[in-house]
Amino acid sequence: MNDIISSLKENINVRLKNPLLGAFVFAWVFLHIKGFGIFLLVDTQEKIAMLRKKDWLFFDDALLPFLLSILFLILLPLANLLYDKFEGGWLVPKRLNILRAKNIAEVRAEKNYVKEFEYENLSALVNSKRELEFSAAELADIVDEIKNNCTMADQERVMQLLATTHKIINAVTELSSSAKNLEK
């Protein structure tokens, strides 16, 4: 007896996995949802009475659910294909264009930020270079004045000061020439 019941269950499972039969059951339940809902909620005696009173009509219980199931099986995959075509052919490229434009705008903003940052640093460097040139020239003038007015005892210290001043002036000159190369 168990073998017959398990064989019957397997056969029902195989049949229900058939897309046409599954769509037919879905369509029939969809068309008779009120009666089906009541059938599920009542007790067994009333279910038997409902099944005995049911008038099975060819059009309502067989042909219409069959036509509806065919429509399900044809229109749903067709609608899915149309959606895939819509998404892949129009929506995805549109999204990619929006992302591309956004990325380009971000890159341009980043380049502008870097350019402004470099310009601010370069202008600060140029201002510092000018101030350094002026200070080095002033220092050279002061050292020359001290050299002309120094005594023999201070002569050695003035020479050290003069050598250091020349080193500073040479460094400023080298900085000025490299800055001019950068500006070009």
N, C-alpha and C. Protein backbone atom coordinates (compact mmCIF):
# COMPACT_ATOMS: atom_id res chain seq x y z
N MET A 1 0.82 -1.20 0.00
CA MET A 1 0.00 0.00 0.00
C MET A 1 0.87 1.26 0.00
N ASN A 2 1.95 1.24 0.81
CA ASN A 2 2.86 2.40 0.86
C ASN A 2 3.54 2.64 -0.49
N ASP A 3 3.85 1.53 -1.19
CA ASP A 3 4.47 1.66 -2.51
C ASP A 3 3.54 2.35 -3.50
N ILE A 4 2.27 2.03 -3.43
CA ILE A 4 1.29 2.64 -4.34
C ILE A 4 1.14 4.13 -4.04
N ILE A 5 1.10 4.47 -2.75
CA ILE A 5 0.94 5.88 -2.35
C ILE A 5 2.18 6.67 -2.75
N SER A 6 3.39 6.13 -2.50
CA SER A 6 4.61 6.85 -2.87
C SER A 6 4.73 6.98 -4.39
N SER A 7 4.34 5.95 -5.12
CA SER A 7 4.36 6.02 -6.58
C SER A 7 3.38 7.07 -7.08
N LEU A 8 2.22 7.14 -6.45
CA LEU A 8 1.22 8.14 -6.81
C LEU A 8 1.72 9.56 -6.49
N LYS A 9 2.39 9.73 -5.36
CA LYS A 9 2.95 11.03 -5.00
C LYS A 9 4.03 11.46 -6.00
N GLU A 10 4.92 10.54 -6.35
CA GLU A 10 5.96 10.85 -7.33
C GLU A 10 5.36 11.24 -8.68
N ASN A 11 4.33 10.50 -9.09
CA ASN A 11 3.67 10.79 -10.36
C ASN A 11 3.01 12.17 -10.34
N ILE A 12 2.38 12.50 -9.22
CA ILE A 12 1.74 13.82 -9.08
C ILE A 12 2.81 14.92 -9.10
N ASN A 13 3.94 14.69 -8.39
CA ASN A 13 5.02 15.69 -8.38
C ASN A 13 5.59 15.92 -9.78
N VAL A 14 5.78 14.83 -10.53
CA VAL A 14 6.30 14.97 -11.89
C VAL A 14 5.32 15.74 -12.75
N ARG A 15 4.04 15.45 -12.61
CA ARG A 15 3.02 16.12 -13.43
C ARG A 15 2.92 17.61 -13.05
N LEU A 16 3.01 17.92 -11.76
CA LEU A 16 2.89 19.31 -11.34
C LEU A 16 4.11 20.14 -11.73
N LYS A 17 5.25 19.49 -11.93
CA LYS A 17 6.43 20.21 -12.37
C LYS A 17 6.37 20.55 -13.86
N ASN A 18 5.46 19.96 -14.57
CA ASN A 18 5.26 20.28 -15.98
C ASN A 18 4.75 21.72 -16.06
N PRO A 19 5.40 22.59 -16.85
CA PRO A 19 5.00 24.00 -16.88
C PRO A 19 3.56 24.21 -17.33
N LEU A 20 3.09 23.43 -18.28
CA LEU A 20 1.72 23.61 -18.77
C LEU A 20 0.71 23.26 -17.69
N LEU A 21 0.94 22.17 -17.00
CA LEU A 21 0.01 21.76 -15.95
C LEU A 21 0.06 22.75 -14.78
N GLY A 22 1.26 23.17 -14.41
CA GLY A 22 1.38 24.16 -13.32
C GLY A 22 0.70 25.47 -13.68
N ALA A 23 0.87 25.92 -14.91
CA ALA A 23 0.21 27.15 -15.35
C ALA A 23 -1.30 26.96 -15.39
N PHE A 24 -1.76 25.76 -15.79
CA PHE A 24 -3.21 25.48 -15.82
C PHE A 24 -3.79 25.54 -14.41
N VAL A 25 -3.10 24.93 -13.45
CA VAL A 25 -3.58 24.94 -12.05
C VAL A 25 -3.60 26.38 -11.53
N PHE A 26 -2.55 27.12 -11.83
CA PHE A 26 -2.49 28.51 -11.40
C PHE A 26 -3.63 29.32 -12.02
N ALA A 27 -3.89 29.14 -13.30
CA ALA A 27 -4.96 29.87 -13.99
C ALA A 27 -6.33 29.48 -13.43
N TRP A 28 -6.53 28.17 -13.17
CA TRP A 28 -7.83 27.72 -12.65
C TRP A 28 -8.06 28.33 -11.27
N VAL A 29 -7.03 28.30 -10.41
CA VAL A 29 -7.16 28.87 -9.07
C VAL A 29 -7.38 30.37 -9.16
N PHE A 30 -6.69 31.03 -10.09
CA PHE A 30 -6.85 32.46 -10.29
C PHE A 30 -8.29 32.80 -10.69
N LEU A 31 -8.89 32.01 -11.54
CA LEU A 31 -10.26 32.27 -12.00
C LEU A 31 -11.30 31.93 -10.95
N HIS A 32 -10.99 30.99 -10.06
CA HIS A 32 -11.95 30.53 -9.05
C HIS A 32 -11.43 30.81 -7.64
N ILE A 33 -10.81 31.95 -7.44
CA ILE A 33 -10.15 32.24 -6.18
C ILE A 33 -11.12 32.30 -4.99
N LYS A 34 -12.30 32.83 -5.21
CA LYS A 34 -13.27 32.94 -4.10
C LYS A 34 -13.71 31.55 -3.63
N GLY A 35 -14.13 30.73 -4.56
CA GLY A 35 -14.56 29.36 -4.20
C GLY A 35 -13.41 28.54 -3.65
N PHE A 36 -12.20 28.72 -4.21
CA PHE A 36 -11.03 27.99 -3.74
C PHE A 36 -10.67 28.40 -2.32
N GLY A 37 -10.75 29.70 -2.03
CA GLY A 37 -10.46 30.17 -0.68
C GLY A 37 -11.44 29.63 0.33
N ILE A 38 -12.72 29.64 -0.03
CA ILE A 38 -13.75 29.07 0.87
C ILE A 38 -13.50 27.59 1.06
N PHE A 39 -13.17 26.88 -0.02
CA PHE A 39 -12.92 25.45 0.03
C PHE A 39 -11.78 25.13 1.00
N LEU A 40 -10.75 25.96 1.02
CA LEU A 40 -9.61 25.72 1.93
C LEU A 40 -9.97 25.97 3.39
N LEU A 41 -10.92 26.86 3.63
CA LEU A 41 -11.22 27.26 5.01
C LEU A 41 -12.32 26.42 5.69
N VAL A 42 -13.08 25.68 4.93
CA VAL A 42 -14.18 24.92 5.55
C VAL A 42 -13.69 23.54 5.97
N ASP A 43 -14.53 22.84 6.79
CA ASP A 43 -14.14 21.51 7.25
C ASP A 43 -14.40 20.46 6.16
N THR A 44 -14.03 19.23 6.43
CA THR A 44 -14.04 18.17 5.43
C THR A 44 -15.44 17.87 4.91
N GLN A 45 -16.44 17.83 5.78
CA GLN A 45 -17.81 17.51 5.35
C GLN A 45 -18.33 18.54 4.35
N GLU A 46 -18.04 19.81 4.62
CA GLU A 46 -18.49 20.87 3.71
C GLU A 46 -17.72 20.82 2.39
N LYS A 47 -16.46 20.43 2.44
CA LYS A 47 -15.68 20.28 1.21
C LYS A 47 -16.30 19.22 0.31
N ILE A 48 -16.67 18.10 0.92
CA ILE A 48 -17.30 17.02 0.13
C ILE A 48 -18.61 17.51 -0.45
N ALA A 49 -19.38 18.23 0.34
CA ALA A 49 -20.66 18.75 -0.16
C ALA A 49 -20.44 19.76 -1.29
N MET A 50 -19.43 20.59 -1.16
CA MET A 50 -19.13 21.58 -2.21
C MET A 50 -18.74 20.89 -3.52
N LEU A 51 -17.92 19.84 -3.39
CA LEU A 51 -17.49 19.12 -4.60
C LEU A 51 -18.67 18.40 -5.27
N ARG A 52 -19.62 17.90 -4.48
CA ARG A 52 -20.80 17.23 -5.07
C ARG A 52 -21.72 18.22 -5.76
N LYS A 53 -21.83 19.43 -5.19
CA LYS A 53 -22.72 20.44 -5.77
C LYS A 53 -22.10 21.17 -6.96
N LYS A 54 -20.80 21.08 -7.12
CA LYS A 54 -20.11 21.84 -8.16
C LYS A 54 -20.57 21.39 -9.54
N ASP A 55 -20.94 22.38 -10.34
CA ASP A 55 -21.28 22.12 -11.74
C ASP A 55 -20.03 22.40 -12.56
N TRP A 56 -19.44 21.37 -13.12
CA TRP A 56 -18.22 21.52 -13.90
C TRP A 56 -18.60 21.93 -15.32
N LEU A 57 -18.15 23.10 -15.72
CA LEU A 57 -18.45 23.62 -17.04
C LEU A 57 -17.20 23.54 -17.90
N PHE A 58 -17.36 23.17 -19.15
CA PHE A 58 -16.21 23.02 -20.04
C PHE A 58 -15.49 24.36 -20.24
N PHE A 59 -16.24 25.42 -20.51
CA PHE A 59 -15.61 26.71 -20.80
C PHE A 59 -14.95 27.29 -19.55
N ASP A 60 -15.68 27.34 -18.42
CA ASP A 60 -15.16 27.97 -17.20
C ASP A 60 -14.09 27.14 -16.50
N ASP A 61 -14.21 25.82 -16.56
CA ASP A 61 -13.30 24.97 -15.79
C ASP A 61 -12.20 24.32 -16.61
N ALA A 62 -12.28 24.38 -17.92
CA ALA A 62 -11.24 23.73 -18.73
C ALA A 62 -10.67 24.67 -19.80
N LEU A 63 -11.50 25.19 -20.67
CA LEU A 63 -11.02 25.96 -21.82
C LEU A 63 -10.41 27.30 -21.40
N LEU A 64 -11.13 28.06 -20.58
CA LEU A 64 -10.62 29.36 -20.15
C LEU A 64 -9.32 29.25 -19.34
N PRO A 65 -9.22 28.34 -18.36
CA PRO A 65 -7.93 28.19 -17.67
C PRO A 65 -6.81 27.71 -18.62
N PHE A 66 -7.17 26.84 -19.58
CA PHE A 66 -6.16 26.37 -20.53
C PHE A 66 -5.65 27.54 -21.39
N LEU A 67 -6.54 28.37 -21.90
CA LEU A 67 -6.13 29.53 -22.70
C LEU A 67 -5.32 30.52 -21.87
N LEU A 68 -5.74 30.73 -20.65
CA LEU A 68 -5.00 31.62 -19.76
C LEU A 68 -3.61 31.07 -19.44
N SER A 69 -3.51 29.76 -19.25
CA SER A 69 -2.19 29.15 -18.98
C SER A 69 -1.29 29.25 -20.20
N ILE A 70 -1.84 29.10 -21.41
CA ILE A 70 -1.04 29.29 -22.62
C ILE A 70 -0.54 30.74 -22.69
N LEU A 71 -1.41 31.69 -22.35
CA LEU A 71 -0.99 33.08 -22.32
C LEU A 71 0.12 33.31 -21.30
N PHE A 72 -0.01 32.69 -20.12
CA PHE A 72 1.05 32.79 -19.12
C PHE A 72 2.37 32.26 -19.67
N LEU A 73 2.30 31.11 -20.30
CA LEU A 73 3.52 30.46 -20.78
C LEU A 73 4.16 31.20 -21.96
N ILE A 74 3.36 31.95 -22.71
CA ILE A 74 3.91 32.67 -23.86
C ILE A 74 4.22 34.12 -23.50
N LEU A 75 3.29 34.80 -22.85
CA LEU A 75 3.46 36.23 -22.60
C LEU A 75 4.47 36.54 -21.51
N LEU A 76 4.53 35.75 -20.46
CA LEU A 76 5.48 36.03 -19.40
C LEU A 76 6.93 35.92 -19.87
N PRO A 77 7.32 34.85 -20.58
CA PRO A 77 8.70 34.84 -21.10
C PRO A 77 8.94 35.95 -22.13
N LEU A 78 7.93 36.25 -22.93
CA LEU A 78 8.06 37.33 -23.91
C LEU A 78 8.25 38.67 -23.19
N ALA A 79 7.47 38.90 -22.15
CA ALA A 79 7.61 40.13 -21.37
C ALA A 79 8.99 40.18 -20.71
N ASN A 80 9.48 39.03 -20.24
CA ASN A 80 10.81 38.97 -19.64
C ASN A 80 11.89 39.29 -20.68
N LEU A 81 11.73 38.76 -21.89
CA LEU A 81 12.68 39.08 -22.96
C LEU A 81 12.65 40.56 -23.31
N LEU A 82 11.46 41.14 -23.37
CA LEU A 82 11.34 42.57 -23.66
C LEU A 82 11.98 43.41 -22.56
N TYR A 83 11.79 43.00 -21.32
CA TYR A 83 12.42 43.72 -20.21
C TYR A 83 13.94 43.61 -20.29
N ASP A 84 14.45 42.39 -20.58
CA ASP A 84 15.89 42.22 -20.71
C ASP A 84 16.44 43.09 -21.84
N LYS A 85 15.71 43.15 -22.95
CA LYS A 85 16.13 43.99 -24.08
C LYS A 85 16.10 45.46 -23.68
N PHE A 86 15.07 45.87 -22.97
CA PHE A 86 14.95 47.25 -22.50
C PHE A 86 16.09 47.59 -21.56
N GLU A 87 16.33 46.70 -20.60
CA GLU A 87 17.37 46.97 -19.61
C GLU A 87 18.76 46.94 -20.24
N GLY A 88 19.04 45.91 -21.02
CA GLY A 88 20.36 45.78 -21.62
C GLY A 88 20.60 46.75 -22.77
N GLY A 89 19.56 47.10 -23.51
CA GLY A 89 19.74 47.93 -24.68
C GLY A 89 19.58 49.42 -24.41
N TRP A 90 18.89 49.79 -23.35
CA TRP A 90 18.66 51.21 -23.11
C TRP A 90 19.04 51.63 -21.70
N LEU A 91 18.58 50.87 -20.70
CA LEU A 91 18.74 51.29 -19.31
C LEU A 91 20.19 51.19 -18.84
N VAL A 92 20.85 50.08 -19.09
CA VAL A 92 22.23 49.90 -18.63
C VAL A 92 23.17 50.91 -19.31
N PRO A 93 23.09 51.08 -20.65
CA PRO A 93 23.96 52.12 -21.24
C PRO A 93 23.68 53.51 -20.70
N LYS A 94 22.42 53.80 -20.41
CA LYS A 94 22.07 55.12 -19.84
C LYS A 94 22.73 55.28 -18.47
N ARG A 95 22.66 54.24 -17.63
CA ARG A 95 23.29 54.28 -16.32
C ARG A 95 24.81 54.43 -16.45
N LEU A 96 25.40 53.69 -17.41
CA LEU A 96 26.84 53.79 -17.61
C LEU A 96 27.25 55.18 -18.06
N ASN A 97 26.44 55.81 -18.92
CA ASN A 97 26.74 57.17 -19.36
C ASN A 97 26.67 58.15 -18.19
N ILE A 98 25.69 57.96 -17.33
CA ILE A 98 25.56 58.83 -16.15
C ILE A 98 26.77 58.64 -15.23
N LEU A 99 27.16 57.39 -14.99
CA LEU A 99 28.33 57.13 -14.14
C LEU A 99 29.60 57.67 -14.78
N ARG A 100 29.73 57.52 -16.10
CA ARG A 100 30.91 58.03 -16.80
C ARG A 100 30.98 59.54 -16.67
N ALA A 101 29.84 60.23 -16.87
CA ALA A 101 29.82 61.69 -16.75
C ALA A 101 30.17 62.12 -15.32
N LYS A 102 29.65 61.38 -14.35
CA LYS A 102 29.95 61.69 -12.94
C LYS A 102 31.44 61.51 -12.66
N ASN A 103 32.03 60.43 -13.16
CA ASN A 103 33.45 60.18 -12.94
C ASN A 103 34.30 61.25 -13.62
N ILE A 104 33.91 61.65 -14.83
CA ILE A 104 34.65 62.69 -15.54
C ILE A 104 34.59 64.00 -14.75
N ALA A 105 33.40 64.33 -14.24
CA ALA A 105 33.26 65.56 -13.44
C ALA A 105 34.12 65.49 -12.18
N GLU A 106 34.16 64.33 -11.53
CA GLU A 106 34.99 64.19 -10.34
C GLU A 106 36.47 64.34 -10.67
N VAL A 107 36.91 63.76 -11.79
CA VAL A 107 38.31 63.87 -12.19
C VAL A 107 38.66 65.32 -12.51
N ARG A 108 37.76 66.00 -13.23
CA ARG A 108 38.01 67.40 -13.55
C ARG A 108 38.07 68.26 -12.28
N ALA A 109 37.18 68.00 -11.35
CA ALA A 109 37.20 68.75 -10.09
C ALA A 109 38.50 68.48 -9.34
N GLU A 110 38.94 67.23 -9.35
CA GLU A 110 40.19 66.88 -8.68
C GLU A 110 41.38 67.57 -9.35
N LYS A 111 41.39 67.60 -10.70
CA LYS A 111 42.47 68.27 -11.42
C LYS A 111 42.48 69.77 -11.09
N ASN A 112 41.30 70.38 -11.06
CA ASN A 112 41.22 71.81 -10.73
C ASN A 112 41.71 72.06 -9.31
N TYR A 113 41.35 71.17 -8.38
CA TYR A 113 41.79 71.32 -7.00
C TYR A 113 43.32 71.23 -6.92
N VAL A 114 43.88 70.24 -7.60
CA VAL A 114 45.33 70.06 -7.58
C VAL A 114 46.02 71.27 -8.22
N LYS A 115 45.46 71.75 -9.34
CA LYS A 115 46.05 72.90 -10.02
C LYS A 115 46.02 74.14 -9.11
N GLU A 116 44.89 74.39 -8.45
CA GLU A 116 44.79 75.53 -7.54
C GLU A 116 45.74 75.37 -6.36
N PHE A 117 45.86 74.15 -5.85
CA PHE A 117 46.75 73.89 -4.72
C PHE A 117 48.20 74.14 -5.13
N GLU A 118 48.58 73.64 -6.31
CA GLU A 118 49.94 73.86 -6.80
C GLU A 118 50.19 75.35 -7.06
N TYR A 119 49.20 76.04 -7.61
CA TYR A 119 49.36 77.47 -7.88
C TYR A 119 49.57 78.25 -6.58
N GLU A 120 48.76 77.92 -5.55
CA GLU A 120 48.92 78.60 -4.26
C GLU A 120 50.31 78.33 -3.68
N ASN A 121 50.76 77.09 -3.75
CA ASN A 121 52.09 76.76 -3.23
C ASN A 121 53.17 77.43 -4.05
N LEU A 122 53.01 77.45 -5.37
CA LEU A 122 54.00 78.08 -6.22
C LEU A 122 54.07 79.59 -5.98
N SER A 123 52.89 80.21 -5.82
CA SER A 123 52.92 81.66 -5.56
C SER A 123 53.55 81.95 -4.20
N ALA A 124 53.31 81.11 -3.21
CA ALA A 124 53.95 81.29 -1.90
C ALA A 124 55.46 81.10 -2.03
N LEU A 125 55.88 80.14 -2.85
CA LEU A 125 57.30 79.91 -3.07
C LEU A 125 57.94 81.10 -3.79
N VAL A 126 57.27 81.65 -4.78
CA VAL A 126 57.79 82.80 -5.52
C VAL A 126 57.90 84.00 -4.58
N ASN A 127 56.89 84.23 -3.75
CA ASN A 127 56.95 85.34 -2.79
C ASN A 127 58.10 85.16 -1.80
N SER A 128 58.28 83.93 -1.34
CA SER A 128 59.39 83.65 -0.40
C SER A 128 60.73 83.86 -1.09
N LYS A 129 60.82 83.45 -2.37
CA LYS A 129 62.05 83.63 -3.12
C LYS A 129 62.39 85.12 -3.27
N ARG A 130 61.40 85.93 -3.59
CA ARG A 130 61.62 87.37 -3.72
C ARG A 130 62.10 87.98 -2.39
N GLU A 131 61.45 87.56 -1.32
CA GLU A 131 61.83 88.07 0.00
C GLU A 131 63.25 87.64 0.35
N LEU A 132 63.58 86.41 0.01
CA LEU A 132 64.92 85.90 0.27
C LEU A 132 65.96 86.66 -0.56
N GLU A 133 65.65 86.94 -1.83
CA GLU A 133 66.57 87.71 -2.67
C GLU A 133 66.81 89.10 -2.08
N PHE A 134 65.72 89.73 -1.66
CA PHE A 134 65.85 91.07 -1.07
C PHE A 134 66.68 91.03 0.21
N SER A 135 66.41 90.03 1.05
CA SER A 135 67.14 89.91 2.32
C SER A 135 68.62 89.60 2.07
N ALA A 136 68.90 88.76 1.08
CA ALA A 136 70.30 88.43 0.76
C ALA A 136 71.03 89.67 0.26
N ALA A 137 70.39 90.47 -0.58
CA ALA A 137 71.02 91.70 -1.08
C ALA A 137 71.25 92.67 0.06
N GLU A 138 70.28 92.79 0.96
CA GLU A 138 70.43 93.67 2.12
C GLU A 138 71.56 93.19 3.02
N LEU A 139 71.64 91.88 3.20
CA LEU A 139 72.71 91.29 4.02
C LEU A 139 74.07 91.57 3.37
N ALA A 140 74.17 91.44 2.06
CA ALA A 140 75.43 91.71 1.36
C ALA A 140 75.84 93.17 1.55
N ASP A 141 74.87 94.07 1.47
CA ASP A 141 75.18 95.50 1.68
C ASP A 141 75.68 95.74 3.10
N ILE A 142 75.03 95.15 4.08
CA ILE A 142 75.42 95.33 5.49
C ILE A 142 76.81 94.76 5.71
N VAL A 143 77.11 93.58 5.14
CA VAL A 143 78.42 92.96 5.32
C VAL A 143 79.50 93.83 4.67
N ASP A 144 79.21 94.38 3.49
CA ASP A 144 80.19 95.27 2.84
C ASP A 144 80.45 96.51 3.71
N GLU A 145 79.39 97.04 4.28
CA GLU A 145 79.55 98.23 5.15
C GLU A 145 80.39 97.89 6.37
N ILE A 146 80.13 96.72 6.97
CA ILE A 146 80.91 96.30 8.15
C ILE A 146 82.35 96.06 7.74
N LYS A 147 82.59 95.48 6.59
CA LYS A 147 83.94 95.20 6.11
C LYS A 147 84.74 96.49 5.94
N ASN A 148 84.07 97.49 5.42
CA ASN A 148 84.75 98.77 5.20
C ASN A 148 85.04 99.48 6.52
N ASN A 149 84.26 99.24 7.55
CA ASN A 149 84.42 99.96 8.82
C ASN A 149 85.04 99.10 9.92
N CYS A 150 85.51 97.91 9.63
CA CYS A 150 85.99 97.03 10.70
C CYS A 150 87.48 97.28 10.99
N THR A 151 87.86 96.85 12.16
CA THR A 151 89.25 96.96 12.57
C THR A 151 89.97 95.68 12.18
N MET A 152 91.27 95.69 12.35
CA MET A 152 92.07 94.51 12.00
C MET A 152 91.71 93.30 12.86
N ALA A 153 91.30 93.51 14.09
CA ALA A 153 90.96 92.40 15.00
C ALA A 153 89.68 91.71 14.53
N ASP A 154 88.77 92.45 13.96
CA ASP A 154 87.49 91.88 13.51
C ASP A 154 87.57 91.37 12.07
N GLN A 155 88.71 91.55 11.42
CA GLN A 155 88.84 91.23 10.01
C GLN A 155 88.50 89.75 9.72
N GLU A 156 88.97 88.83 10.55
CA GLU A 156 88.74 87.40 10.32
C GLU A 156 87.26 87.05 10.45
N ARG A 157 86.59 87.64 11.41
CA ARG A 157 85.16 87.35 11.60
C ARG A 157 84.35 87.96 10.46
N VAL A 158 84.74 89.09 9.96
CA VAL A 158 84.04 89.71 8.85
C VAL A 158 84.20 88.86 7.59
N MET A 159 85.39 88.27 7.40
CA MET A 159 85.62 87.39 6.25
C MET A 159 84.70 86.17 6.31
N GLN A 160 84.53 85.59 7.50
CA GLN A 160 83.61 84.45 7.67
C GLN A 160 82.18 84.88 7.34
N LEU A 161 81.81 86.07 7.82
CA LEU A 161 80.48 86.60 7.54
C LEU A 161 80.31 86.85 6.04
N LEU A 162 81.32 87.34 5.40
CA LEU A 162 81.28 87.61 3.97
C LEU A 162 81.16 86.31 3.18
N ALA A 163 81.89 85.25 3.58
CA ALA A 163 81.82 83.95 2.90
C ALA A 163 80.42 83.34 3.04
N THR A 164 79.87 83.44 4.24
CA THR A 164 78.52 82.91 4.47
C THR A 164 77.50 83.69 3.65
N THR A 165 77.68 84.99 3.54
CA THR A 165 76.77 85.82 2.75
C THR A 165 76.84 85.43 1.28
N HIS A 166 78.03 85.17 0.78
CA HIS A 166 78.17 84.77 -0.61
C HIS A 166 77.50 83.40 -0.86
N LYS A 167 77.63 82.50 0.09
CA LYS A 167 76.95 81.19 -0.04
C LYS A 167 75.43 81.39 -0.12
N ILE A 168 74.90 82.26 0.72
CA ILE A 168 73.45 82.53 0.72
C ILE A 168 73.05 83.15 -0.62
N ILE A 169 73.83 84.10 -1.10
CA ILE A 169 73.51 84.76 -2.37
C ILE A 169 73.56 83.75 -3.52
N ASN A 170 74.55 82.86 -3.51
CA ASN A 170 74.64 81.82 -4.56
C ASN A 170 73.42 80.89 -4.50
N ALA A 171 73.00 80.50 -3.29
CA ALA A 171 71.82 79.64 -3.14
C ALA A 171 70.57 80.34 -3.65
N VAL A 172 70.43 81.62 -3.35
CA VAL A 172 69.27 82.40 -3.83
C VAL A 172 69.31 82.50 -5.35
N THR A 173 70.48 82.73 -5.93
CA THR A 173 70.61 82.83 -7.39
C THR A 173 70.23 81.50 -8.03
N GLU A 174 70.70 80.40 -7.47
CA GLU A 174 70.37 79.08 -7.99
C GLU A 174 68.86 78.81 -7.87
N LEU A 175 68.27 79.20 -6.75
CA LEU A 175 66.83 79.05 -6.55
C LEU A 175 66.07 79.89 -7.57
N SER A 176 66.54 81.09 -7.82
CA SER A 176 65.87 81.97 -8.79
C SER A 176 65.91 81.37 -10.19
N SER A 177 67.05 80.81 -10.59
CA SER A 177 67.14 80.24 -11.94
C SER A 177 66.29 78.98 -12.07
N SER A 178 66.23 78.15 -11.03
CA SER A 178 65.38 76.95 -11.10
C SER A 178 63.90 77.32 -11.07
N ALA A 179 63.55 78.38 -10.37
CA ALA A 179 62.15 78.85 -10.33
C ALA A 179 61.75 79.39 -11.69
N LYS A 180 62.68 80.07 -12.37
CA LYS A 180 62.37 80.58 -13.71
C LYS A 180 62.15 79.43 -14.68
N ASN A 181 62.91 78.34 -14.53
CA ASN A 181 62.71 77.16 -15.37
C ASN A 181 61.35 76.53 -15.11
N LEU A 182 60.91 76.53 -13.86
CA LEU A 182 59.60 75.99 -13.51
C LEU A 182 58.48 76.83 -14.10
N GLU A 183 58.64 78.13 -14.09
CA GLU A 183 57.60 79.02 -14.59
C GLU A 183 57.42 78.89 -16.09
N LYS A 184 58.47 78.50 -16.79
CA LYS A 184 58.39 78.34 -18.24
C LYS A 184 57.60 77.10 -18.52
